[in-house]
C-alpha atoms as a PDB file:
ATOM      1  CA  UNK A   1       5.114  -8.745  27.312  1.00  0.00           C
ATOM      2  CA  UNK A   2       7.973  -6.321  26.816  1.00  0.00           C
ATOM      3  CA  UNK A   3      10.891  -6.826  24.460  1.00  0.00           C
ATOM      4  CA  UNK A   4      13.235  -6.492  27.441  1.00  0.00           C
ATOM      5  CA  UNK A   5      11.506  -9.346  29.278  1.00  0.00           C
ATOM      6  CA  UNK A   6      11.608 -11.556  26.186  1.00  0.00           C
ATOM      7  CA  UNK A   7      15.332 -11.008  25.767  1.00  0.00           C
ATOM      8  CA  UNK A   8      15.933 -11.716  29.457  1.00  0.00           C
ATOM      9  CA  UNK A   9      13.971 -14.966  29.225  1.00  0.00           C
ATOM     10  CA  UNK A  10      16.406 -16.390  26.689  1.00  0.00           C
ATOM     11  CA  UNK A  11      19.651 -15.127  28.188  1.00  0.00           C
ATOM     12  CA  UNK A  12      20.518 -18.400  29.905  1.00  0.00           C
ATOM     13  CA  UNK A  13      19.945 -20.638  26.899  1.00  0.00           C
ATOM     14  CA  UNK A  14      23.341 -20.068  25.313  1.00  0.00           C
ATOM     15  CA  UNK A  15      24.534 -18.473  22.095  1.00  0.00           C
ATOM     16  CA  UNK A  16      23.341 -21.246  19.768  1.00  0.00           C
ATOM     17  CA  UNK A  17      19.654 -20.817  20.463  1.00  0.00           C
ATOM     18  CA  UNK A  18      16.957 -19.952  17.977  1.00  0.00           C
ATOM     19  CA  UNK A  19      14.118 -17.982  19.528  1.00  0.00           C
ATOM     20  CA  UNK A  20      10.793 -18.870  17.931  1.00  0.00           C
ATOM     21  CA  UNK A  21       7.482 -17.106  18.464  1.00  0.00           C
ATOM     22  CA  UNK A  22       4.375 -19.284  18.700  1.00  0.00           C
ATOM     23  CA  UNK A  23       1.017 -17.543  18.296  1.00  0.00           C
ATOM     24  CA  UNK A  24      -1.080 -17.253  21.439  1.00  0.00           C
ATOM     25  CA  UNK A  25      -4.860 -17.393  21.025  1.00  0.00           C
ATOM     26  CA  UNK A  26      -6.843 -18.925  18.201  1.00  0.00           C
ATOM     27  CA  UNK A  27      -3.773 -20.358  16.428  1.00  0.00           C
ATOM     28  CA  UNK A  28      -2.202 -21.784  19.581  1.00  0.00           C
ATOM     29  CA  UNK A  29      -3.650 -25.311  19.762  1.00  0.00           C
ATOM     30  CA  UNK A  30      -3.333 -25.959  16.033  1.00  0.00           C
ATOM     31  CA  UNK A  31       0.269 -24.724  16.087  1.00  0.00           C
ATOM     32  CA  UNK A  32       1.114 -27.135  18.916  1.00  0.00           C
ATOM     33  CA  UNK A  33      -0.474 -29.935  16.876  1.00  0.00           C
ATOM     34  CA  UNK A  34       1.534 -28.938  13.796  1.00  0.00           C
ATOM     35  CA  UNK A  35       4.797 -29.006  15.746  1.00  0.00           C
ATOM     36  CA  UNK A  36       3.898 -32.414  17.213  1.00  0.00           C
ATOM     37  CA  UNK A  37       3.340 -33.833  13.729  1.00  0.00           C
ATOM     38  CA  UNK A  38       6.649 -32.278  12.662  1.00  0.00           C
ATOM     39  CA  UNK A  39       8.389 -34.136  15.493  1.00  0.00           C
ATOM     40  CA  UNK A  40       8.583 -31.454  18.196  1.00  0.00           C
ATOM     41  CA  UNK A  41       6.820 -31.865  21.534  1.00  0.00           C
ATOM     42  CA  UNK A  42       5.677 -28.471  22.808  1.00  0.00           C
ATOM     43  CA  UNK A  43       4.311 -28.289  26.355  1.00  0.00           C
ATOM     44  CA  UNK A  44       2.180 -25.215  27.059  1.00  0.00           C
ATOM     45  CA  UNK A  45       1.213 -24.947  30.709  1.00  0.00           C
ATOM     46  CA  UNK A  46      -0.625 -22.509  32.949  1.00  0.00           C
ATOM     47  CA  UNK A  47       0.148 -18.844  32.493  1.00  0.00           C
ATOM     48  CA  UNK A  48       3.710 -19.312  31.345  1.00  0.00           C
ATOM     49  CA  UNK A  49       4.696 -17.513  28.160  1.00  0.00           C
ATOM     50  CA  UNK A  50       7.671 -19.830  27.697  1.00  0.00           C
ATOM     51  CA  UNK A  51       6.490 -23.275  26.520  1.00  0.00           C
ATOM     52  CA  UNK A  52       8.901 -26.171  26.881  1.00  0.00           C
ATOM     53  CA  UNK A  53      10.102 -27.841  23.680  1.00  0.00           C
ATOM     54  CA  UNK A  54      12.183 -30.994  23.328  1.00  0.00           C
ATOM     55  CA  UNK A  55      14.963 -29.307  21.376  1.00  0.00           C
ATOM     56  CA  UNK A  56      17.675 -27.551  23.430  1.00  0.00           C
ATOM     57  CA  UNK A  57      18.511 -25.317  20.463  1.00  0.00           C
ATOM     58  CA  UNK A  58      15.031 -23.771  20.469  1.00  0.00           C
ATOM     59  CA  UNK A  59      13.390 -21.347  22.849  1.00  0.00           C
ATOM     60  CA  UNK A  60       9.655 -20.796  22.433  1.00  0.00           C
ATOM     61  CA  UNK A  61       7.739 -17.709  23.453  1.00  0.00           C
ATOM     62  CA  UNK A  62       3.974 -17.267  23.200  1.00  0.00           C
ATOM     63  CA  UNK A  63       3.007 -13.960  21.590  1.00  0.00           C
ATOM     64  CA  UNK A  64      -0.297 -12.791  20.175  1.00  0.00           C
ATOM     65  CA  UNK A  65      -0.364 -13.106  16.397  1.00  0.00           C
ATOM     66  CA  UNK A  66      -1.213  -9.385  16.157  1.00  0.00           C
ATOM     67  CA  UNK A  67       2.188  -8.512  17.667  1.00  0.00           C
ATOM     68  CA  UNK A  68       4.369 -11.277  16.261  1.00  0.00           C
ATOM     69  CA  UNK A  69       5.631  -9.602  13.090  1.00  0.00           C
ATOM     70  CA  UNK A  70       6.707  -6.504  15.009  1.00  0.00           C
ATOM     71  CA  UNK A  71       8.778  -8.538  17.472  1.00  0.00           C
ATOM     72  CA  UNK A  72      10.339 -10.534  14.636  1.00  0.00           C
ATOM     73  CA  UNK A  73      11.229  -7.339  12.797  1.00  0.00           C
ATOM     74  CA  UNK A  74      12.856  -5.935  15.944  1.00  0.00           C
ATOM     75  CA  UNK A  75      14.906  -9.099  16.458  1.00  0.00           C
ATOM     76  CA  UNK A  76      13.284  -9.994  19.762  1.00  0.00           C
ATOM     77  CA  UNK A  77      12.244 -13.186  17.947  1.00  0.00           C
ATOM     78  CA  UNK A  78      14.347 -14.850  15.284  1.00  0.00           C
ATOM     79  CA  UNK A  79      11.358 -16.479  13.616  1.00  0.00           C
ATOM     80  CA  UNK A  80       7.637 -16.723  14.268  1.00  0.00           C
ATOM     81  CA  UNK A  81       4.227 -17.760  12.998  1.00  0.00           C
ATOM     82  CA  UNK A  82       1.569 -15.169  12.286  1.00  0.00           C
ATOM     83  CA  UNK A  83      -0.970 -14.276   9.641  1.00  0.00           C
ATOM     84  CA  UNK A  84       0.056 -12.267   6.595  1.00  0.00           C
ATOM     85  CA  UNK A  85      -2.717  -9.882   7.626  1.00  0.00           C
ATOM     86  CA  UNK A  86      -0.792  -8.853  10.742  1.00  0.00           C
ATOM     87  CA  UNK A  87       2.473  -8.561   8.820  1.00  0.00           C
ATOM     88  CA  UNK A  88       0.754  -6.078   6.506  1.00  0.00           C
ATOM     89  CA  UNK A  89      -1.122  -4.359   9.326  1.00  0.00           C
ATOM     90  CA  UNK A  90       2.146  -3.658  11.154  1.00  0.00           C
ATOM     91  CA  UNK A  91       4.065  -2.915   7.936  1.00  0.00           C
ATOM     92  CA  UNK A  92       6.694  -5.230   9.375  1.00  0.00           C
ATOM     93  CA  UNK A  93       9.925  -5.652   7.442  1.00  0.00           C
ATOM     94  CA  UNK A  94      10.421  -9.392   7.828  1.00  0.00           C
ATOM     95  CA  UNK A  95      11.458 -12.239   5.559  1.00  0.00           C
ATOM     96  CA  UNK A  96       8.583 -14.531   4.664  1.00  0.00           C
ATOM     97  CA  UNK A  97       9.748 -18.160   4.629  1.00  0.00           C
ATOM     98  CA  UNK A  98       6.529 -20.040   3.876  1.00  0.00           C
ATOM     99  CA  UNK A  99       2.764 -20.065   3.632  1.00  0.00           C
ATOM    100  CA  UNK A 100       1.591 -22.558   6.283  1.00  0.00           C
ATOM    101  CA  UNK A 101      -2.038 -22.919   5.232  1.00  0.00           C
ATOM    102  CA  UNK A 102      -3.374 -26.327   6.241  1.00  0.00           C
ATOM    103  CA  UNK A 103      -6.751 -28.111   6.406  1.00  0.00           C
ATOM    104  CA  UNK A 104      -7.133 -27.493  10.143  1.00  0.00           C
ATOM    105  CA  UNK A 105      -9.138 -24.951  12.173  1.00  0.00           C
ATOM    106  CA  UNK A 106      -7.571 -21.474  12.058  1.00  0.00           C
ATOM    107  CA  UNK A 107      -4.908 -22.600   9.568  1.00  0.00           C
ATOM    108  CA  UNK A 108      -7.270 -22.360   6.617  1.00  0.00           C
ATOM    109  CA  UNK A 109      -7.464 -19.091   4.658  1.00  0.00           C
ATOM    110  CA  UNK A 110      -9.469 -16.361   6.372  1.00  0.00           C
ATOM    111  CA  UNK A 111     -10.935 -13.233   4.829  1.00  0.00           C
ATOM    112  CA  UNK A 112     -11.044  -9.684   6.081  1.00  0.00           C
ATOM    113  CA  UNK A 113     -14.376  -8.468   4.778  1.00  0.00           C
ATOM    114  CA  UNK A 114     -16.281  -5.214   4.571  1.00  0.00           C
ATOM    115  CA  UNK A 115     -19.733  -5.872   5.998  1.00  0.00           C
ATOM    116  CA  UNK A 116     -22.885  -3.928   6.859  1.00  0.00           C
ATOM    117  CA  UNK A 117     -26.243  -4.718   8.386  1.00  0.00           C
ATOM    118  CA  UNK A 118     -28.790  -6.262   6.062  1.00  0.00           C
ATOM    119  CA  UNK A 119     -30.945  -3.464   4.657  1.00  0.00           C
ATOM    120  CA  UNK A 120     -28.184  -0.849   4.938  1.00  0.00           C
ATOM    121  CA  UNK A 121     -28.075   1.831   2.255  1.00  0.00           C
ATOM    122  CA  UNK A 122     -24.336   1.186   1.899  1.00  0.00           C
ATOM    123  CA  UNK A 123     -23.826  -0.911  -1.230  1.00  0.00           C
ATOM    124  CA  UNK A 124     -20.070  -0.688  -1.732  1.00  0.00           C
ATOM    125  CA  UNK A 125     -16.874   1.076  -0.644  1.00  0.00           C
ATOM    126  CA  UNK A 126     -17.817   4.344  -2.392  1.00  0.00           C
ATOM    127  CA  UNK A 127     -20.817   4.663  -0.070  1.00  0.00           C
ATOM    128  CA  UNK A 128     -18.544   4.722   2.997  1.00  0.00           C
ATOM    129  CA  UNK A 129     -17.610   8.388   2.553  1.00  0.00           C
ATOM    130  CA  UNK A 130     -18.085  10.153   5.891  1.00  0.00           C
ATOM    131  CA  UNK A 131     -19.250   6.950   7.598  1.00  0.00           C
ATOM    132  CA  UNK A 132     -17.903   5.255  10.722  1.00  0.00           C
ATOM    133  CA  UNK A 133     -16.098   1.920  10.318  1.00  0.00           C
ATOM    134  CA  UNK A 134     -15.143  -0.323  13.239  1.00  0.00           C
ATOM    135  CA  UNK A 135     -12.235  -2.736  12.858  1.00  0.00           C
ATOM    136  CA  UNK A 136      -9.275  -4.303  14.612  1.00  0.00           C
ATOM    137  CA  UNK A 137      -7.186  -3.861  11.450  1.00  0.00           C
ATOM    138  CA  UNK A 138      -7.049  -0.075  11.249  1.00  0.00           C
ATOM    139  CA  UNK A 139      -4.040   0.039   8.914  1.00  0.00           C
ATOM    140  CA  UNK A 140      -5.494  -2.458   6.437  1.00  0.00           C
ATOM    141  CA  UNK A 141      -8.796  -0.602   6.421  1.00  0.00           C
ATOM    142  CA  UNK A 142      -7.129   2.769   5.944  1.00  0.00           C
ATOM    143  CA  UNK A 143      -5.175   1.497   2.948  1.00  0.00           C
ATOM    144  CA  UNK A 144      -8.285  -0.156   1.500  1.00  0.00           C
ATOM    145  CA  UNK A 145     -10.221   3.105   1.654  1.00  0.00           C
ATOM    146  CA  UNK A 146      -7.327   4.990   0.117  1.00  0.00           C
ATOM    147  CA  UNK A 147      -7.305   2.558  -2.821  1.00  0.00           C
ATOM    148  CA  UNK A 148     -10.961   3.397  -3.403  1.00  0.00           C
ATOM    149  CA  UNK A 149     -10.480   7.147  -2.911  1.00  0.00           C
ATOM    150  CA  UNK A 150     -12.809   7.251   0.098  1.00  0.00           C
ATOM    151  CA  UNK A 151     -12.461   9.209   3.344  1.00  0.00           C
ATOM    152  CA  UNK A 152     -14.234   7.794   6.378  1.00  0.00           C
ATOM    153  CA  UNK A 153     -13.879   7.611  10.150  1.00  0.00           C
ATOM    154  CA  UNK A 154     -12.051   4.460  11.259  1.00  0.00           C
ATOM    155  CA  UNK A 155     -12.124   3.439  14.899  1.00  0.00           C
ATOM    156  CA  UNK A 156     -10.289   0.579  16.583  1.00  0.00           C
ATOM    157  CA  UNK A 157     -12.570  -2.186  17.797  1.00  0.00           C
ATOM    158  CA  UNK A 158     -11.627  -4.005  20.977  1.00  0.00           C
ATOM    159  CA  UNK A 159     -13.777  -7.004  20.119  1.00  0.00           C
ATOM    160  CA  UNK A 160     -17.315  -8.150  19.259  1.00  0.00           C
ATOM    161  CA  UNK A 161     -16.958  -6.091  16.085  1.00  0.00           C
ATOM    162  CA  UNK A 162     -19.815  -7.928  14.366  1.00  0.00           C
ATOM    163  CA  UNK A 163     -22.416  -6.575  16.820  1.00  0.00           C
ATOM    164  CA  UNK A 164     -21.626  -2.890  16.219  1.00  0.00           C
ATOM    165  CA  UNK A 165     -23.628  -2.117  13.050  1.00  0.00           C
ATOM    166  CA  UNK A 166     -25.796  -0.193  12.682  1.00  0.00           C
ATOM    167  CA  UNK A 167     -25.779   1.718  16.007  1.00  0.00           C
ATOM    168  CA  UNK A 168     -22.094   1.837  17.005  1.00  0.00           C
ATOM    169  CA  UNK A 169     -20.748   1.765  13.451  1.00  0.00           C
ATOM    170  CA  UNK A 170     -22.097   2.088   9.926  1.00  0.00           C
ATOM    171  CA  UNK A 171     -19.870  -0.738   8.685  1.00  0.00           C
ATOM    172  CA  UNK A 172     -17.151  -3.060   9.860  1.00  0.00           C
ATOM    173  CA  UNK A 173     -14.014  -4.658   8.483  1.00  0.00           C
ATOM    174  CA  UNK A 174     -13.732  -7.964  10.291  1.00  0.00           C
ATOM    175  CA  UNK A 175     -12.039 -11.330   9.876  1.00  0.00           C
ATOM    176  CA  UNK A 176     -14.106 -14.351   8.920  1.00  0.00           C
ATOM    177  CA  UNK A 177     -13.241 -18.001   8.287  1.00  0.00           C
ATOM    178  CA  UNK A 178     -16.692 -19.485   7.657  1.00  0.00           C
ATOM    179  CA  UNK A 179     -18.986 -16.437   7.702  1.00  0.00           C
ATOM    180  CA  UNK A 180     -21.196 -17.997  10.395  1.00  0.00           C
ATOM    181  CA  UNK A 181     -20.734 -15.144  12.883  1.00  0.00           C
ATOM    182  CA  UNK A 182     -21.583 -12.572  10.218  1.00  0.00           C
ATOM    183  CA  UNK A 183     -24.746 -14.446   9.245  1.00  0.00           C
ATOM    184  CA  UNK A 184     -25.735 -14.882  12.897  1.00  0.00           C
ATOM    185  CA  UNK A 185     -25.606 -11.108  13.331  1.00  0.00           C
ATOM    186  CA  UNK A 186     -27.541 -10.420  10.129  1.00  0.00           C
ATOM    187  CA  UNK A 187     -24.586  -8.872   8.334  1.00  0.00           C
ATOM    188  CA  UNK A 188     -23.995  -8.730   4.598  1.00  0.00           C
ATOM    189  CA  UNK A 189     -20.509  -8.907   3.023  1.00  0.00           C
ATOM    190  CA  UNK A 190     -19.890  -6.140   0.497  1.00  0.00           C
ATOM    191  CA  UNK A 191     -16.263  -6.782  -0.387  1.00  0.00           C
ATOM    192  CA  UNK A 192     -13.166  -8.778   0.526  1.00  0.00           C
ATOM    193  CA  UNK A 193     -10.410  -6.518   1.819  1.00  0.00           C
ATOM    194  CA  UNK A 194      -7.754  -9.247   2.160  1.00  0.00           C
ATOM    195  CA  UNK A 195      -7.355 -13.019   2.247  1.00  0.00           C
ATOM    196  CA  UNK A 196      -4.879 -14.164   4.869  1.00  0.00           C
ATOM    197  CA  UNK A 197      -3.086 -17.392   5.799  1.00  0.00           C
ATOM    198  CA  UNK A 198      -0.535 -18.251   8.507  1.00  0.00           C
ATOM    199  CA  UNK A 199       3.040 -17.537   7.517  1.00  0.00           C
ATOM    200  CA  UNK A 200       6.450 -18.423   8.905  1.00  0.00           C
ATOM    201  CA  UNK A 201       8.424 -15.169   9.021  1.00  0.00           C
ATOM    202  CA  UNK A 202      12.021 -14.504  10.007  1.00  0.00           C
ATOM    203  CA  UNK A 203      14.068 -11.593  11.213  1.00  0.00           C
ATOM    204  CA  UNK A 204      16.228 -10.437   8.305  1.00  0.00           C
ATOM    205  CA  UNK A 205      19.467 -10.327  10.294  1.00  0.00           C
ATOM    206  CA  UNK A 206      18.799 -13.722  11.867  1.00  0.00           C
ATOM    207  CA  UNK A 207      18.281 -15.159   8.367  1.00  0.00           C
ATOM    208  CA  UNK A 208      21.775 -14.002   7.400  1.00  0.00           C
ATOM    209  CA  UNK A 209      23.295 -15.944  10.317  1.00  0.00           C
ATOM    210  CA  UNK A 210      24.361 -19.314   8.811  1.00  0.00           C
ATOM    211  CA  UNK A 211      23.563 -21.364  11.911  1.00  0.00           C
ATOM    212  CA  UNK A 212      20.156 -19.768  12.443  1.00  0.00           C
ATOM    213  CA  UNK A 213      19.256 -20.035   8.771  1.00  0.00           C
ATOM    214  CA  UNK A 214      20.118 -23.750   8.745  1.00  0.00           C
ATOM    215  CA  UNK A 215      18.006 -24.269  11.864  1.00  0.00           C
ATOM    216  CA  UNK A 216      15.067 -22.388  10.358  1.00  0.00           C
ATOM    217  CA  UNK A 217      15.321 -24.338   7.113  1.00  0.00           C
ATOM    218  CA  UNK A 218      15.242 -27.642   8.994  1.00  0.00           C
ATOM    219  CA  UNK A 219      12.204 -26.580  11.031  1.00  0.00           C
ATOM    220  CA  UNK A 220      10.462 -25.393   7.878  1.00  0.00           C
ATOM    221  CA  UNK A 221      11.176 -28.673   6.091  1.00  0.00           C
ATOM    222  CA  UNK A 222       9.504 -30.619   8.900  1.00  0.00           C
ATOM    223  CA  UNK A 223       6.548 -28.230   9.238  1.00  0.00           C
ATOM    224  CA  UNK A 224       5.859 -28.333   5.498  1.00  0.00           C
ATOM    225  CA  UNK A 225       6.227 -32.103   5.534  1.00  0.00           C
ATOM    226  CA  UNK A 226       3.579 -32.337   8.249  1.00  0.00           C
ATOM    227  CA  UNK A 227       1.233 -30.007   6.362  1.00  0.00           C
ATOM    228  CA  UNK A 228       1.686 -31.914   3.093  1.00  0.00           C
ATOM    229  CA  UNK A 229       0.717 -35.114   4.917  1.00  0.00           C
ATOM    230  CA  UNK A 230      -2.312 -33.570   6.625  1.00  0.00           C
ATOM    231  CA  UNK A 231      -4.953 -34.787   4.189  1.00  0.00           C
ATOM    232  CA  UNK A 232      -3.172 -37.855   2.790  1.00  0.00           C
ATOM    233  CA  UNK A 233      -2.740 -41.468   3.816  1.00  0.00           C
ATOM    234  CA  UNK A 234      -0.609 -44.348   2.663  1.00  0.00           C
ATOM    235  CA  UNK A 235      -1.940 -47.476   0.962  1.00  0.00           C
ATOM    236  CA  UNK A 236      -0.078 -50.732   0.554  1.00  0.00           C
ATOM    237  CA  UNK A 237      -1.333 -53.919  -1.045  1.00  0.00           C
ATOM    238  CA  UNK A 238      -0.333 -57.125  -2.747  1.00  0.00           C
ATOM    239  CA  UNK A 239      -1.253 -57.474  -6.422  1.00  0.00           C
ATOM    240  CA  UNK A 240      -1.081 -60.428  -8.832  1.00  0.00           C
ATOM    241  CA  UNK A 241       1.264 -59.477 -11.676  1.00  0.00           C
ATOM    242  CA  UNK A 242      -1.430 -59.964 -14.355  1.00  0.00           C
ATOM    243  CA  UNK A 243      -3.625 -57.411 -12.505  1.00  0.00           C
ATOM    244  CA  UNK A 244      -0.919 -54.819 -11.908  1.00  0.00           C
ATOM    245  CA  UNK A 245      -1.742 -52.564 -14.863  1.00  0.00           C
ATOM    246  CA  UNK A 246      -5.411 -52.476 -13.873  1.00  0.00           C
ATOM    247  CA  UNK A 247      -4.555 -51.535 -10.277  1.00  0.00           C
ATOM    248  CA  UNK A 248      -2.151 -48.799 -11.403  1.00  0.00           C
ATOM    249  CA  UNK A 249      -4.878 -47.282 -13.596  1.00  0.00           C
ATOM    250  CA  UNK A 250      -7.048 -46.842 -10.498  1.00  0.00           C
ATOM    251  CA  UNK A 251      -4.426 -45.274  -8.244  1.00  0.00           C
ATOM    252  CA  UNK A 252      -4.117 -41.451  -8.224  1.00  0.00           C
ATOM    253  CA  UNK A 253      -0.638 -41.167  -6.710  1.00  0.00           C
ATOM    254  CA  UNK A 254       1.335 -38.266  -5.291  1.00  0.00           C
ATOM    255  CA  UNK A 255       4.277 -39.775  -7.152  1.00  0.00           C
ATOM    256  CA  UNK A 256       4.845 -42.998  -9.064  1.00  0.00           C
ATOM    257  CA  UNK A 257       3.801 -45.888  -6.780  1.00  0.00           C
ATOM    258  CA  UNK A 258       6.573 -48.028  -5.372  1.00  0.00           C
ATOM    259  CA  UNK A 259       6.403 -51.574  -6.741  1.00  0.00           C
ATOM    260  CA  UNK A 260       8.423 -54.323  -5.045  1.00  0.00           C
ATOM    261  CA  UNK A 261       8.946 -57.982  -5.821  1.00  0.00           C
ATOM    262  CA  UNK A 262       7.655 -60.535  -3.333  1.00  0.00           C
ATOM    263  CA  UNK A 263       9.032 -63.978  -2.487  1.00  0.00           C
ATOM    264  CA  UNK A 264       6.256 -65.389  -4.636  1.00  0.00           C
ATOM    265  CA  UNK A 265       7.202 -64.037  -8.069  1.00  0.00           C
ATOM    266  CA  UNK A 266       3.570 -64.188  -9.162  1.00  0.00           C
ATOM    267  CA  UNK A 267       2.826 -61.216  -6.868  1.00  0.00           C
ATOM    268  CA  UNK A 268       4.144 -57.670  -6.292  1.00  0.00           C
ATOM    269  CA  UNK A 269       3.734 -55.227  -3.416  1.00  0.00           C
ATOM    270  CA  UNK A 270       2.406 -51.758  -4.269  1.00  0.00           C
ATOM    271  CA  UNK A 271       2.910 -48.819  -1.915  1.00  0.00           C
ATOM    272  CA  UNK A 272       1.507 -45.365  -2.621  1.00  0.00           C
ATOM    273  CA  UNK A 273       0.112 -42.138  -1.133  1.00  0.00           C
ATOM    274  CA  UNK A 274      -3.395 -40.838  -1.821  1.00  0.00           C
ATOM    275  CA  UNK A 275      -5.767 -38.158  -0.597  1.00  0.00           C
ATOM    276  CA  UNK A 276      -7.680 -39.447   2.410  1.00  0.00           C
ATOM    277  CA  UNK A 277     -11.036 -38.338   0.991  1.00  0.00           C
ATOM    278  CA  UNK A 278     -10.595 -40.781  -1.920  1.00  0.00           C
ATOM    279  CA  UNK A 279      -9.921 -43.894   0.141  1.00  0.00           C
ATOM    280  CA  UNK A 280     -13.502 -45.040   0.674  1.00  0.00           C
ATOM    281  CA  UNK A 281     -13.994 -45.207  -3.095  1.00  0.00           C
ATOM    282  CA  UNK A 282     -10.535 -46.551  -3.930  1.00  0.00           C
ATOM    283  CA  UNK A 283     -10.382 -49.553  -1.609  1.00  0.00           C
ATOM    284  CA  UNK A 284     -13.453 -51.335  -3.081  1.00  0.00           C
ATOM    285  CA  UNK A 285     -12.222 -50.604  -6.623  1.00  0.00           C
ATOM    286  CA  UNK A 286      -8.751 -51.922  -5.828  1.00  0.00           C
ATOM    287  CA  UNK A 287     -10.205 -55.085  -4.317  1.00  0.00           C
ATOM    288  CA  UNK A 288     -12.383 -55.595  -7.385  1.00  0.00           C
ATOM    289  CA  UNK A 289      -9.291 -55.133  -9.599  1.00  0.00           C
ATOM    290  CA  UNK A 290      -7.527 -57.963  -7.761  1.00  0.00           C
ATOM    291  CA  UNK A 291      -5.532 -56.264  -4.977  1.00  0.00           C
ATOM    292  CA  UNK A 292      -5.319 -58.174  -1.696  1.00  0.00           C
ATOM    293  CA  UNK A 293      -4.006 -57.448   1.778  1.00  0.00           C
ATOM    294  CA  UNK A 294      -4.889 -53.757   1.386  1.00  0.00           C
ATOM    295  CA  UNK A 295      -3.656 -51.677   4.344  1.00  0.00           C
ATOM    296  CA  UNK A 296      -4.334 -47.996   4.960  1.00  0.00           C
ATOM    297  CA  UNK A 297      -1.889 -46.212   7.275  1.00  0.00           C
ATOM    298  CA  UNK A 298      -1.584 -42.623   8.582  1.00  0.00           C
ATOM    299  CA  UNK A 299       1.246 -40.274   7.631  1.00  0.00           C
ATOM    300  CA  UNK A 300       2.985 -37.699   9.805  1.00  0.00           C
ATOM    301  CA  UNK A 301       5.207 -36.104   7.169  1.00  0.00           C
ATOM    302  CA  UNK A 302       5.734 -36.132   3.432  1.00  0.00           C
ATOM    303  CA  UNK A 303       9.025 -34.741   2.144  1.00  0.00           C
ATOM    304  CA  UNK A 304       9.108 -34.328  -1.612  1.00  0.00           C
END
């Protein structure tokens, strides 16, 4: 999609519109989920590159993460979501607003790794001198080799990079979240070139616009609130006053639990936030300590 087409697509939306780039591809579904938890309904349909969003001050455009930082730098997009790997790959001059890592597929940290076929004579970066390396991240790989004082042939890989050693390439620099694809292709990791996470990045001039900055800050607040709530739940319960100290000793809280008086002065209500993974152990312990009416409830956002 050309920059000219992108600009044309937003021309009718009015002056007070923030143009936001959503990543197309592997990050797309998780990004839509994140925006839903933040309170925005994003409708992505068919082949359209312009998803609908229930905020008239926003215009969304789907762009591949590999290109996002470049379009943000150019001002085609005011703000966008992409990996820090592609910001560095494109040497894009953008303002980073936040790290959006989250416990969801494709929003967890990923690693760009140097890998070779099992049994290869290549043991480390120094052994790459004069060898052929296949990668989608040519710039990152070139800078990595320069740091190690190594000269090698780097070729752009259009995909299926993990199947290229040892015939089509001596080594690869490829992205991996779990390492399963590398193991399936009998590849061995020699080094980590870069760890990357999704970032919210802004055009520098757009950030200096007071209205756009305020809009970005509000979006960021809600996105971070949704991420902070991703692996937590709320717990509320009624506790006899004589058992309150015992219950509070058990609770690992995000902040000091809220304690409220009940109509029956012999009891108090306790409300707190905990990590979801702890709940199955906490609830029996809380019941044994005297808590009653224990309720677990989901959270969409936590603003601290």
